[in-house]
PDB file of N, CA and C in Angstrom:
ATOM      1  N   MET A   1     -57.462 133.298 -57.257  1.00  0.00           N
ATOM      2  CA  MET A   1     -57.747 132.802 -58.580  1.00  0.00           C
ATOM      3  C   MET A   1     -56.663 133.293 -59.547  1.00  0.00           C
ATOM      4  N   VAL A   2     -56.225 132.399 -60.396  1.00  0.00           N
ATOM      5  CA  VAL A   2     -55.194 132.707 -61.383  1.00  0.00           C
ATOM      6  C   VAL A   2     -55.841 132.812 -62.760  1.00  0.00           C
ATOM      7  N   TYR A   3     -55.459 133.840 -63.504  1.00  0.00           N
ATOM      8  CA  TYR A   3     -55.925 134.026 -64.871  1.00  0.00           C
ATOM      9  C   TYR A   3     -54.787 133.720 -65.838  1.00  0.00           C
ATOM     10  N   HIS A   4     -55.117 133.070 -66.941  1.00  0.00           N
ATOM     11  CA  HIS A   4     -54.162 132.747 -68.001  1.00  0.00           C
ATOM     12  C   HIS A   4     -54.649 133.421 -69.280  1.00  0.00           C
ATOM     13  N   ILE A   5     -53.802 134.264 -69.857  1.00  0.00           N
ATOM     14  CA  ILE A   5     -54.148 134.960 -71.094  1.00  0.00           C
ATOM     15  C   ILE A   5     -53.280 134.389 -72.209  1.00  0.00           C
ATOM     16  N   HIS A   6     -53.916 133.973 -73.310  1.00  0.00           N
ATOM     17  CA  HIS A   6     -53.214 133.401 -74.452  1.00  0.00           C
ATOM     18  C   HIS A   6     -53.423 134.292 -75.668  1.00  0.00           C
ATOM     19  N   LEU A   7     -52.315 134.667 -76.324  1.00  0.00           N
ATOM     20  CA  LEU A   7     -52.362 135.436 -77.562  1.00  0.00           C
ATOM     21  C   LEU A   7     -51.889 134.513 -78.675  1.00  0.00           C
ATOM     22  N   LEU A   8     -52.793 134.070 -79.523  1.00  0.00           N
ATOM     23  CA  LEU A   8     -52.532 133.034 -80.515  1.00  0.00           C
ATOM     24  C   LEU A   8     -52.358 133.639 -81.906  1.00  0.00           C
ATOM     25  N   ASN A   9     -51.254 133.350 -82.552  1.00  0.00           N
ATOM     26  CA  ASN A   9     -51.026 133.799 -83.927  1.00  0.00           C
ATOM     27  C   ASN A   9     -51.607 132.753 -84.869  1.00  0.00           C
ATOM     28  N   ARG A  10     -52.711 133.093 -85.507  1.00  0.00           N
ATOM     29  CA  ARG A  10     -53.352 132.195 -86.462  1.00  0.00           C
ATOM     30  C   ARG A  10     -53.397 132.836 -87.850  1.00  0.00           C
ATOM     31  N   MET A  11     -52.377 133.660 -88.134  1.00  0.00           N
ATOM     32  CA  MET A  11     -52.241 134.252 -89.460  1.00  0.00           C
ATOM     33  C   MET A  11     -51.894 133.136 -90.441  1.00  0.00           C
ATOM     34  N   THR A  12     -52.245 133.305 -91.712  1.00  0.00           N
ATOM     35  CA  THR A  12     -51.996 132.237 -92.678  1.00  0.00           C
ATOM     36  C   THR A  12     -50.545 132.173 -93.127  1.00  0.00           C
ATOM     37  N   ASN A  13     -49.799 133.264 -92.957  1.00  0.00           N
ATOM     38  CA  ASN A  13     -48.371 133.196 -93.288  1.00  0.00           C
ATOM     39  C   ASN A  13     -47.561 133.827 -92.165  1.00  0.00           C
ATOM     40  N   ASP A  14     -46.272 133.577 -92.172  1.00  0.00           N
ATOM     41  CA  ASP A  14     -45.405 134.028 -91.092  1.00  0.00           C
ATOM     42  C   ASP A  14     -44.618 135.277 -91.476  1.00  0.00           C
ATOM     43  N   THR A  15     -44.890 135.838 -92.655  1.00  0.00           N
ATOM     44  CA  THR A  15     -44.159 137.024 -93.086  1.00  0.00           C
ATOM     45  C   THR A  15     -45.153 138.119 -93.371  1.00  0.00           C
ATOM     46  N   PRO A  16     -45.084 139.253 -92.749  1.00  0.00           N
ATOM     47  CA  PRO A  16     -44.178 139.541 -91.634  1.00  0.00           C
ATOM     48  C   PRO A  16     -44.654 138.864 -90.351  1.00  0.00           C
ATOM     49  N   SER A  17     -43.787 138.814 -89.362  1.00  0.00           N
ATOM     50  CA  SER A  17     -44.157 138.156 -88.116  1.00  0.00           C
ATOM     51  C   SER A  17     -45.110 139.032 -87.299  1.00  0.00           C
ATOM     52  N   LEU A  18     -45.819 138.426 -86.391  1.00  0.00           N
ATOM     53  CA  LEU A  18     -46.730 139.124 -85.490  1.00  0.00           C
ATOM     54  C   LEU A  18     -45.948 139.517 -84.251  1.00  0.00           C
ATOM     55  N   THR A  19     -46.041 140.780 -83.869  1.00  0.00           N
ATOM     56  CA  THR A  19     -45.426 141.205 -82.612  1.00  0.00           C
ATOM     57  C   THR A  19     -46.534 141.654 -81.667  1.00  0.00           C
ATOM     58  N   VAL A  20     -46.329 141.354 -80.399  1.00  0.00           N
ATOM     59  CA  VAL A  20     -47.268 141.742 -79.354  1.00  0.00           C
ATOM     60  C   VAL A  20     -46.481 142.422 -78.239  1.00  0.00           C
ATOM     61  N   HIS A  21     -47.066 143.460 -77.654  1.00  0.00           N
ATOM     62  CA  HIS A  21     -46.453 144.163 -76.533  1.00  0.00           C
ATOM     63  C   HIS A  21     -47.534 144.344 -75.476  1.00  0.00           C
ATOM     64  N   VAL A  22     -47.414 143.568 -74.386  1.00  0.00           N
ATOM     65  CA  VAL A  22     -48.415 143.566 -73.325  1.00  0.00           C
ATOM     66  C   VAL A  22     -47.934 144.428 -72.163  1.00  0.00           C
ATOM     67  N   LYS A  23     -48.852 145.266 -71.662  1.00  0.00           N
ATOM     68  CA  LYS A  23     -48.525 146.142 -70.539  1.00  0.00           C
ATOM     69  C   LYS A  23     -49.721 146.289 -69.612  1.00  0.00           C
ATOM     70  N   SER A  24     -49.400 146.649 -68.380  1.00  0.00           N
ATOM     71  CA  SER A  24     -50.411 147.084 -67.419  1.00  0.00           C
ATOM     72  C   SER A  24     -49.846 148.304 -66.712  1.00  0.00           C
ATOM     73  N   LYS A  25     -50.553 148.795 -65.731  1.00  0.00           N
ATOM     74  CA  LYS A  25     -50.051 149.944 -64.978  1.00  0.00           C
ATOM     75  C   LYS A  25     -48.722 149.619 -64.302  1.00  0.00           C
ATOM     76  N   ASN A  26     -48.578 148.378 -63.830  1.00  0.00           N
ATOM     77  CA  ASN A  26     -47.399 147.988 -63.056  1.00  0.00           C
ATOM     78  C   ASN A  26     -46.439 147.047 -63.777  1.00  0.00           C
ATOM     79  N   ASP A  27     -46.850 146.471 -64.891  1.00  0.00           N
ATOM     80  CA  ASP A  27     -46.033 145.456 -65.565  1.00  0.00           C
ATOM     81  C   ASP A  27     -45.870 145.785 -67.044  1.00  0.00           C
ATOM     82  N   ASP A  28     -44.659 145.548 -67.550  1.00  0.00           N
ATOM     83  CA  ASP A  28     -44.377 145.655 -68.977  1.00  0.00           C
ATOM     84  C   ASP A  28     -43.767 144.323 -69.394  1.00  0.00           C
ATOM     85  N   LEU A  29     -44.507 143.540 -70.156  1.00  0.00           N
ATOM     86  CA  LEU A  29     -44.038 142.211 -70.561  1.00  0.00           C
ATOM     87  C   LEU A  29     -43.165 142.256 -71.811  1.00  0.00           C
ATOM     88  N   LYS A  30     -42.848 143.452 -72.275  1.00  0.00           N
ATOM     89  CA  LYS A  30     -41.943 143.700 -73.413  1.00  0.00           C
ATOM     90  C   LYS A  30     -42.563 143.208 -74.723  1.00  0.00           C
ATOM     91  N   GLU A  31     -42.004 143.691 -75.808  1.00  0.00           N
ATOM     92  CA  GLU A  31     -42.456 143.280 -77.138  1.00  0.00           C
ATOM     93  C   GLU A  31     -41.947 141.882 -77.438  1.00  0.00           C
ATOM     94  N   ARG A  32     -42.829 141.053 -77.943  1.00  0.00           N
ATOM     95  CA  ARG A  32     -42.504 139.654 -78.264  1.00  0.00           C
ATOM     96  C   ARG A  32     -42.927 139.349 -79.692  1.00  0.00           C
ATOM     97  N   THR A  33     -42.193 138.455 -80.322  1.00  0.00           N
ATOM     98  CA  THR A  33     -42.573 137.950 -81.635  1.00  0.00           C
ATOM     99  C   THR A  33     -43.293 136.626 -81.430  1.00  0.00           C
ATOM    100  N   VAL A  34     -44.456 136.497 -82.051  1.00  0.00           N
ATOM    101  CA  VAL A  34     -45.225 135.252 -81.971  1.00  0.00           C
ATOM    102  C   VAL A  34     -45.269 134.669 -83.374  1.00  0.00           C
ATOM    103  N   ARG A  35     -44.636 133.554 -83.562  1.00  0.00           N
ATOM    104  CA  ARG A  35     -44.574 132.892 -84.873  1.00  0.00           C
ATOM    105  C   ARG A  35     -45.926 132.307 -85.263  1.00  0.00           C
ATOM    106  N   LYS A  36     -46.075 131.968 -86.519  1.00  0.00           N
ATOM    107  CA  LYS A  36     -47.289 131.335 -87.035  1.00  0.00           C
ATOM    108  C   LYS A  36     -47.625 130.113 -86.180  1.00  0.00           C
ATOM    109  N   ASN A  37     -48.880 130.012 -85.785  1.00  0.00           N
ATOM    110  CA  ASN A  37     -49.406 128.950 -84.919  1.00  0.00           C
ATOM    111  C   ASN A  37     -48.816 128.985 -83.509  1.00  0.00           C
ATOM    112  N   GLY A  38     -48.132 130.067 -83.156  1.00  0.00           N
ATOM    113  CA  GLY A  38     -47.551 130.203 -81.828  1.00  0.00           C
ATOM    114  C   GLY A  38     -48.540 130.770 -80.817  1.00  0.00           C
ATOM    115  N   ASP A  39     -48.118 130.735 -79.560  1.00  0.00           N
ATOM    116  CA  ASP A  39     -48.942 131.183 -78.442  1.00  0.00           C
ATOM    117  C   ASP A  39     -48.041 131.914 -77.449  1.00  0.00           C
ATOM    118  N   PHE A  40     -48.272 133.198 -77.260  1.00  0.00           N
ATOM    119  CA  PHE A  40     -47.623 133.907 -76.159  1.00  0.00           C
ATOM    120  C   PHE A  40     -48.640 133.968 -75.037  1.00  0.00           C
ATOM    121  N   HIS A  41     -48.260 133.473 -73.869  1.00  0.00           N
ATOM    122  CA  HIS A  41     -49.215 133.484 -72.768  1.00  0.00           C
ATOM    123  C   HIS A  41     -48.554 133.980 -71.484  1.00  0.00           C
ATOM    124  N   PHE A  42     -49.390 134.500 -70.613  1.00  0.00           N
ATOM    125  CA  PHE A  42     -48.932 134.949 -69.303  1.00  0.00           C
ATOM    126  C   PHE A  42     -50.049 134.689 -68.302  1.00  0.00           C
ATOM    127  N   LYS A  43     -49.672 134.665 -67.031  1.00  0.00           N
ATOM    128  CA  LYS A  43     -50.661 134.427 -65.984  1.00  0.00           C
ATOM    129  C   LYS A  43     -50.451 135.439 -64.865  1.00  0.00           C
ATOM    130  N   PHE A  44     -51.500 135.645 -64.097  1.00  0.00           N
ATOM    131  CA  PHE A  44     -51.451 136.614 -63.009  1.00  0.00           C
ATOM    132  C   PHE A  44     -52.641 136.407 -62.083  1.00  0.00           C
ATOM    133  N   LYS A  45     -52.554 136.982 -60.913  1.00  0.00           N
ATOM    134  CA  LYS A  45     -53.673 137.062 -59.978  1.00  0.00           C
ATOM    135  C   LYS A  45     -54.159 138.506 -60.004  1.00  0.00           C
ATOM    136  N   PRO A  46     -55.450 138.718 -60.212  1.00  0.00           N
ATOM    137  CA  PRO A  46     -55.955 140.092 -60.249  1.00  0.00           C
ATOM    138  C   PRO A  46     -55.856 140.761 -58.882  1.00  0.00           C
ATOM    139  N   SER A  47     -55.855 142.075 -58.890  1.00  0.00           N
ATOM    140  CA  SER A  47     -55.742 142.828 -57.644  1.00  0.00           C
ATOM    141  C   SER A  47     -56.983 142.642 -56.780  1.00  0.00           C
ATOM    142  N   PHE A  48     -56.801 142.808 -55.523  1.00  0.00           N
ATOM    143  CA  PHE A  48     -57.884 142.718 -54.545  1.00  0.00           C
ATOM    144  C   PHE A  48     -58.975 143.740 -54.851  1.00  0.00           C
ATOM    145  N   TRP A  49     -58.597 144.899 -55.368  1.00  0.00           N
ATOM    146  CA  TRP A  49     -59.529 145.994 -55.612  1.00  0.00           C
ATOM    147  C   TRP A  49     -60.322 145.832 -56.906  1.00  0.00           C
ATOM    148  N   GLY A  50     -60.036 144.819 -57.697  1.00  0.00           N
ATOM    149  CA  GLY A  50     -60.809 144.560 -58.915  1.00  0.00           C
ATOM    150  C   GLY A  50     -60.576 145.561 -60.025  1.00  0.00           C
ATOM    151  N   ASN A  51     -59.345 146.072 -60.121  1.00  0.00           N
ATOM    152  CA  ASN A  51     -59.051 147.060 -61.153  1.00  0.00           C
ATOM    153  C   ASN A  51     -57.905 146.629 -62.074  1.00  0.00           C
ATOM    154  N   THR A  52     -57.673 145.338 -62.191  1.00  0.00           N
ATOM    155  CA  THR A  52     -56.595 144.832 -63.038  1.00  0.00           C
ATOM    156  C   THR A  52     -56.931 145.057 -64.513  1.00  0.00           C
ATOM    157  N   LEU A  53     -55.938 145.550 -65.249  1.00  0.00           N
ATOM    158  CA  LEU A  53     -56.114 145.826 -66.664  1.00  0.00           C
ATOM    159  C   LEU A  53     -54.798 145.552 -67.382  1.00  0.00           C
ATOM    160  N   PHE A  54     -54.840 144.706 -68.400  1.00  0.00           N
ATOM    161  CA  PHE A  54     -53.706 144.489 -69.299  1.00  0.00           C
ATOM    162  C   PHE A  54     -54.152 144.878 -70.696  1.00  0.00           C
ATOM    163  N   TYR A  55     -53.316 145.628 -71.399  1.00  0.00           N
ATOM    164  CA  TYR A  55     -53.607 145.963 -72.789  1.00  0.00           C
ATOM    165  C   TYR A  55     -52.447 145.495 -73.652  1.00  0.00           C
ATOM    166  N   CYS A  56     -52.698 145.402 -74.941  1.00  0.00           N
ATOM    167  CA  CYS A  56     -51.688 144.881 -75.862  1.00  0.00           C
ATOM    168  C   CYS A  56     -51.685 145.683 -77.152  1.00  0.00           C
ATOM    169  N   ILE A  57     -50.486 145.906 -77.682  1.00  0.00           N
ATOM    170  CA  ILE A  57     -50.314 146.498 -79.005  1.00  0.00           C
ATOM    171  C   ILE A  57     -49.893 145.365 -79.932  1.00  0.00           C
ATOM    172  N   PHE A  58     -50.689 145.121 -80.952  1.00  0.00           N
ATOM    173  CA  PHE A  58     -50.426 144.081 -81.939  1.00  0.00           C
ATOM    174  C   PHE A  58     -49.922 144.741 -83.216  1.00  0.00           C
ATOM    175  N   LYS A  59     -48.886 144.160 -83.845  1.00  0.00           N
ATOM    176  CA  LYS A  59     -48.373 144.671 -85.118  1.00  0.00           C
ATOM    177  C   LYS A  59     -48.125 143.508 -86.070  1.00  0.00           C
ATOM    178  N   HIS A  60     -48.549 143.706 -87.320  1.00  0.00           N
ATOM    179  CA  HIS A  60     -48.305 142.720 -88.370  1.00  0.00           C
ATOM    180  C   HIS A  60     -48.177 143.482 -89.680  1.00  0.00           C
ATOM    181  N   GLY A  61     -46.946 143.670 -90.147  1.00  0.00           N
ATOM    182  CA  GLY A  61     -46.723 144.460 -91.353  1.00  0.00           C
ATOM    183  C   GLY A  61     -47.171 145.890 -91.143  1.00  0.00           C
ATOM    184  N   ASP A  62     -48.073 146.373 -92.030  1.00  0.00           N
ATOM    185  CA  ASP A  62     -48.557 147.745 -91.898  1.00  0.00           C
ATOM    186  C   ASP A  62     -49.822 147.832 -91.047  1.00  0.00           C
ATOM    187  N   LYS A  63     -50.199 146.747 -90.401  1.00  0.00           N
ATOM    188  CA  LYS A  63     -51.378 146.729 -89.554  1.00  0.00           C
ATOM    189  C   LYS A  63     -50.977 146.879 -88.083  1.00  0.00           C
ATOM    190  N   THR A  64     -51.801 147.597 -87.347  1.00  0.00           N
ATOM    191  CA  THR A  64     -51.571 147.740 -85.912  1.00  0.00           C
ATOM    192  C   THR A  64     -52.920 147.845 -85.204  1.00  0.00           C
ATOM    193  N   LYS A  65     -52.948 147.375 -83.977  1.00  0.00           N
ATOM    194  CA  LYS A  65     -54.178 147.449 -83.184  1.00  0.00           C
ATOM    195  C   LYS A  65     -53.798 147.399 -81.710  1.00  0.00           C
ATOM    196  N   MET A  66     -54.475 148.219 -80.909  1.00  0.00           N
ATOM    197  CA  MET A  66     -54.270 148.202 -79.463  1.00  0.00           C
ATOM    198  C   MET A  66     -55.627 148.082 -78.782  1.00  0.00           C
ATOM    199  N   PHE A  67     -55.713 147.186 -77.787  1.00  0.00           N
ATOM    200  CA  PHE A  67     -56.939 147.053 -77.015  1.00  0.00           C
ATOM    201  C   PHE A  67     -56.642 146.313 -75.715  1.00  0.00           C
ATOM    202  N   ASP A  68     -57.600 146.322 -74.815  1.00  0.00           N
ATOM    203  CA  ASP A  68     -57.470 145.620 -73.537  1.00  0.00           C
ATOM    204  C   ASP A  68     -57.630 144.122 -73.778  1.00  0.00           C
ATOM    205  N   VAL A  69     -56.648 143.329 -73.341  1.00  0.00           N
ATOM    206  CA  VAL A  69     -56.767 141.879 -73.445  1.00  0.00           C
ATOM    207  C   VAL A  69     -57.306 141.279 -72.150  1.00  0.00           C
ATOM    208  N   PHE A  70     -57.267 142.054 -71.065  1.00  0.00           N
ATOM    209  CA  PHE A  70     -57.918 141.644 -69.818  1.00  0.00           C
ATOM    210  C   PHE A  70     -58.323 142.887 -69.052  1.00  0.00           C
ATOM    211  N   LYS A  71     -59.556 142.871 -68.604  1.00  0.00           N
ATOM    212  CA  LYS A  71     -60.060 143.926 -67.744  1.00  0.00           C
ATOM    213  C   LYS A  71     -60.908 143.251 -66.680  1.00  0.00           C
ATOM    214  N   SER A  72     -60.658 143.560 -65.412  1.00  0.00           N
ATOM    215  CA  SER A  72     -61.442 142.947 -64.337  1.00  0.00           C
ATOM    216  C   SER A  72     -62.925 143.066 -64.653  1.00  0.00           C
ATOM    217  N   GLY A  73     -63.646 141.979 -64.452  1.00  0.00           N
ATOM    218  CA  GLY A  73     -65.072 141.948 -64.749  1.00  0.00           C
ATOM    219  C   GLY A  73     -65.403 141.307 -66.084  1.00  0.00           C
ATOM    220  N   ASP A  74     -64.379 140.972 -66.897  1.00  0.00           N
ATOM    221  CA  ASP A  74     -64.630 140.355 -68.201  1.00  0.00           C
ATOM    222  C   ASP A  74     -65.495 139.101 -68.096  1.00  0.00           C
ATOM    223  N   TYR A  75     -65.325 138.329 -67.048  1.00  0.00           N
ATOM    224  CA  TYR A  75     -65.998 137.038 -66.961  1.00  0.00           C
ATOM    225  C   TYR A  75     -67.454 137.131 -66.538  1.00  0.00           C
ATOM    226  N   LYS A  76     -67.894 138.262 -65.999  1.00  0.00           N
ATOM    227  CA  LYS A  76     -69.274 138.300 -65.518  1.00  0.00           C
ATOM    228  C   LYS A  76     -70.291 138.172 -66.657  1.00  0.00           C
ATOM    229  N   HIS A  77     -69.859 138.414 -67.893  1.00  0.00           N
ATOM    230  CA  HIS A  77     -70.765 138.282 -69.033  1.00  0.00           C
ATOM    231  C   HIS A  77     -70.481 137.039 -69.879  1.00  0.00           C
ATOM    232  N   GLU A  78     -69.476 136.264 -69.491  1.00  0.00           N
ATOM    233  CA  GLU A  78     -69.136 135.064 -70.262  1.00  0.00           C
ATOM    234  C   GLU A  78     -70.110 133.937 -69.941  1.00  0.00           C
ATOM    235  N   LYS A  79     -70.131 132.954 -70.819  1.00  0.00           N
ATOM    236  CA  LYS A  79     -71.038 131.830 -70.588  1.00  0.00           C
ATOM    237  C   LYS A  79     -70.660 131.080 -69.307  1.00  0.00           C
ATOM    238  N   HIS A  80     -71.607 130.359 -68.762  1.00  0.00           N
ATOM    239  CA  HIS A  80     -71.478 129.688 -67.468  1.00  0.00           C
ATOM    240  C   HIS A  80     -70.224 128.816 -67.375  1.00  0.00           C
ATOM    241  N   THR A  81     -69.899 128.034 -68.407  1.00  0.00           N
ATOM    242  CA  THR A  81     -68.747 127.130 -68.330  1.00  0.00           C
ATOM    243  C   THR A  81     -67.439 127.888 -68.127  1.00  0.00           C
ATOM    244  N   CYS A  82     -67.362 129.125 -68.568  1.00  0.00           N
ATOM    245  CA  CYS A  82     -66.135 129.907 -68.416  1.00  0.00           C
ATOM    246  C   CYS A  82     -65.939 130.392 -66.990  1.00  0.00           C
ATOM    247  N   ARG A  83     -66.996 130.462 -66.235  1.00  0.00           N
ATOM    248  CA  ARG A  83     -66.892 130.954 -64.869  1.00  0.00           C
ATOM    249  C   ARG A  83     -66.634 129.844 -63.864  1.00  0.00           C
ATOM    250  N   LEU A  84     -66.667 128.592 -64.280  1.00  0.00           N
ATOM    251  CA  LEU A  84     -66.563 127.474 -63.348  1.00  0.00           C
ATOM    252  C   LEU A  84     -65.137 127.130 -62.934  1.00  0.00           C
ATOM    253  N   HIS A  85     -64.166 127.426 -63.753  1.00  0.00           N
ATOM    254  CA  HIS A  85     -62.791 126.992 -63.514  1.00  0.00           C
ATOM    255  C   HIS A  85     -62.072 127.912 -62.538  1.00  0.00           C
ATOM    256  N   ARG A  86     -61.296 127.337 -61.635  1.00  0.00           N
ATOM    257  CA  ARG A  86     -60.520 128.148 -60.694  1.00  0.00           C
ATOM    258  C   ARG A  86     -59.365 128.842 -61.404  1.00  0.00           C
ATOM    259  N   GLN A  87     -58.815 128.216 -62.419  1.00  0.00           N
ATOM    260  CA  GLN A  87     -57.814 128.875 -63.248  1.00  0.00           C
ATOM    261  C   GLN A  87     -58.518 129.271 -64.529  1.00  0.00           C
ATOM    262  N   ARG A  88     -58.790 130.546 -64.673  1.00  0.00           N
ATOM    263  CA  ARG A  88     -59.557 131.025 -65.823  1.00  0.00           C
ATOM    264  C   ARG A  88     -58.623 131.393 -66.964  1.00  0.00           C
ATOM    265  N   SER A  89     -59.035 131.005 -68.143  1.00  0.00           N
ATOM    266  CA  SER A  89     -58.250 131.299 -69.342  1.00  0.00           C
ATOM    267  C   SER A  89     -59.043 132.212 -70.257  1.00  0.00           C
ATOM    268  N   LEU A  90     -58.305 133.055 -70.954  1.00  0.00           N
ATOM    269  CA  LEU A  90     -58.891 133.917 -71.968  1.00  0.00           C
ATOM    270  C   LEU A  90     -57.989 133.836 -73.185  1.00  0.00           C
ATOM    271  N   TYR A  91     -58.562 133.503 -74.327  1.00  0.00           N
ATOM    272  CA  TYR A  91     -57.808 133.311 -75.567  1.00  0.00           C
ATOM    273  C   TYR A  91     -58.139 134.429 -76.545  1.00  0.00           C
ATOM    274  N   TRP A  92     -57.085 134.974 -77.152  1.00  0.00           N
ATOM    275  CA  TRP A  92     -57.225 135.947 -78.242  1.00  0.00           C
ATOM    276  C   TRP A  92     -56.583 135.338 -79.479  1.00  0.00           C
ATOM    277  N   LYS A  93     -57.385 135.029 -80.479  1.00  0.00           N
ATOM    278  CA  LYS A  93     -56.903 134.459 -81.738  1.00  0.00           C
ATOM    279  C   LYS A  93     -56.759 135.595 -82.741  1.00  0.00           C
ATOM    280  N   VAL A  94     -55.532 135.761 -83.273  1.00  0.00           N
ATOM    281  CA  VAL A  94     -55.243 136.834 -84.211  1.00  0.00           C
ATOM    282  C   VAL A  94     -55.194 136.259 -85.622  1.00  0.00           C
ATOM    283  N   GLN A  95     -56.037 136.800 -86.507  1.00  0.00           N
ATOM    284  CA  GLN A  95     -56.102 136.376 -87.902  1.00  0.00           C
ATOM    285  C   GLN A  95     -56.016 137.596 -88.806  1.00  0.00           C
ATOM    286  N   GLU A  96     -55.905 137.371 -90.113  1.00  0.00           N
ATOM    287  CA  GLU A  96     -55.832 138.470 -91.064  1.00  0.00           C
ATOM    288  C   GLU A  96     -57.041 139.387 -90.990  1.00  0.00           C
ATOM    289  N   ASP A  97     -58.208 138.834 -90.682  1.00  0.00           N
ATOM    290  CA  ASP A  97     -59.427 139.633 -90.684  1.00  0.00           C
ATOM    291  C   ASP A  97     -59.788 140.205 -89.320  1.00  0.00           C
ATOM    292  N   GLY A  98     -58.959 139.949 -88.287  1.00  0.00           N
ATOM    293  CA  GLY A  98     -59.254 140.551 -86.997  1.00  0.00           C
ATOM    294  C   GLY A  98     -58.890 139.706 -85.799  1.00  0.00           C
ATOM    295  N   PHE A  99     -59.536 140.037 -84.680  1.00  0.00           N
ATOM    296  CA  PHE A  99     -59.210 139.473 -83.369  1.00  0.00           C
ATOM    297  C   PHE A  99     -60.447 138.806 -82.791  1.00  0.00           C
ATOM    298  N   TYR A 100     -60.264 137.581 -82.353  1.00  0.00           N
ATOM    299  CA  TYR A 100     -61.355 136.774 -81.838  1.00  0.00           C
ATOM    300  C   TYR A 100     -61.063 136.383 -80.395  1.00  0.00           C
ATOM    301  N   ARG A 101     -62.095 136.373 -79.555  1.00  0.00           N
ATOM    302  CA  ARG A 101     -61.940 136.064 -78.137  1.00  0.00           C
ATOM    303  C   ARG A 101     -62.738 134.825 -77.767  1.00  0.00           C
ATOM    304  N   SER A 102     -62.160 134.031 -76.852  1.00  0.00           N
ATOM    305  CA  SER A 102     -62.820 132.831 -76.350  1.00  0.00           C
ATOM    306  C   SER A 102     -62.356 132.562 -74.922  1.00  0.00           C
ATOM    307  N   CYS A 103     -63.182 131.900 -74.161  1.00  0.00           N
ATOM    308  CA  CYS A 103     -62.767 131.499 -72.818  1.00  0.00           C
ATOM    309  C   CYS A 103     -62.457 130.002 -72.757  1.00  0.00           C
ATOM    310  N   ASP A 104     -62.691 129.281 -73.872  1.00  0.00           N
ATOM    311  CA  ASP A 104     -62.456 127.839 -73.860  1.00  0.00           C
ATOM    312  C   ASP A 104     -61.656 127.353 -75.063  1.00  0.00           C
ATOM    313  N   ASP A 105     -61.093 128.264 -75.842  1.00  0.00           N
ATOM    314  CA  ASP A 105     -60.315 127.956 -77.049  1.00  0.00           C
ATOM    315  C   ASP A 105     -61.161 127.227 -78.093  1.00  0.00           C
ATOM    316  N   GLU A 106     -62.475 127.427 -78.038  1.00  0.00           N
ATOM    317  CA  GLU A 106     -63.363 126.804 -79.026  1.00  0.00           C
ATOM    318  C   GLU A 106     -64.389 127.792 -79.565  1.00  0.00           C
ATOM    319  N   GLY A 107     -65.232 128.332 -78.717  1.00  0.00           N
ATOM    320  CA  GLY A 107     -66.314 129.206 -79.142  1.00  0.00           C
ATOM    321  C   GLY A 107     -65.855 130.643 -79.302  1.00  0.00           C
ATOM    322  N   TYR A 108     -65.147 130.940 -80.396  1.00  0.00           N
ATOM    323  CA  TYR A 108     -64.585 132.274 -80.608  1.00  0.00           C
ATOM    324  C   TYR A 108     -65.633 133.251 -81.143  1.00  0.00           C
ATOM    325  N   VAL A 109     -65.511 134.498 -80.689  1.00  0.00           N
ATOM    326  CA  VAL A 109     -66.364 135.600 -81.143  1.00  0.00           C
ATOM    327  C   VAL A 109     -65.452 136.713 -81.629  1.00  0.00           C
ATOM    328  N   LYS A 110     -65.741 137.238 -82.827  1.00  0.00           N
ATOM    329  CA  LYS A 110     -64.924 138.333 -83.347  1.00  0.00           C
ATOM    330  C   LYS A 110     -65.186 139.594 -82.536  1.00  0.00           C
ATOM    331  N   MET A 111     -64.086 140.231 -82.078  1.00  0.00           N
ATOM    332  CA  MET A 111     -64.193 141.415 -81.240  1.00  0.00           C
ATOM    333  C   MET A 111     -63.718 142.683 -81.946  1.00  0.00           C
ATOM    334  N   TYR A 112     -62.651 142.570 -82.752  1.00  0.00           N
ATOM    335  CA  TYR A 112     -62.047 143.753 -83.364  1.00  0.00           C
ATOM    336  C   TYR A 112     -61.546 143.452 -84.765  1.00  0.00           C
ATOM    337  N   ASP A 113     -61.454 144.502 -85.577  1.00  0.00           N
ATOM    338  CA  ASP A 113     -60.793 144.459 -86.883  1.00  0.00           C
ATOM    339  C   ASP A 113     -59.408 145.081 -86.744  1.00  0.00           C
ATOM    340  N   TRP A 114     -58.544 144.802 -87.698  1.00  0.00           N
ATOM    341  CA  TRP A 114     -57.245 145.461 -87.788  1.00  0.00           C
ATOM    342  C   TRP A 114     -57.428 146.892 -88.263  1.00  0.00           C
ATOM    343  N   HIS A 115     -56.434 147.731 -87.979  1.00  0.00           N
ATOM    344  CA  HIS A 115     -56.348 149.078 -88.547  1.00  0.00           C
ATOM    345  C   HIS A 115     -55.020 149.184 -89.293  1.00  0.00           C
ATOM    346  N   THR A 116     -54.991 149.911 -90.379  1.00  0.00           N
ATOM    347  CA  THR A 116     -53.762 150.121 -91.118  1.00  0.00           C
ATOM    348  C   THR A 116     -53.138 151.424 -90.657  1.00  0.00           C
ATOM    349  N   ARG A 117     -51.801 151.370 -90.415  1.00  0.00           N
ATOM    350  CA  ARG A 117     -51.082 152.588 -89.976  1.00  0.00           C
ATOM    351  C   ARG A 117     -51.064 153.627 -91.035  1.00  0.00           C
TER     352      ARG A 117
END
């Protein structure tokens, strides 16, 4: 099974730009700039042992936030339609007021607030 993770910049302005830095124990996807209405995405197959974890550091001006964007087992609590697809997607929408998660790019739930450095 292949997982697709999307980090969506839905900030109302592009200044300053949103930067994301995605890492796991074995992979460093480097710091990337995601423009307004942009999407940084990556895909992977989780480990056989069920311990795959990707985390991300988000920065926007004086705001910063770090959290897990994928952790094995995330889907066991998602709604039924999210578990049906062989290629599973997870969307993180970044806005001024926080971070929202969805498995279908529609039914978003707020998960985190920003923190100021």
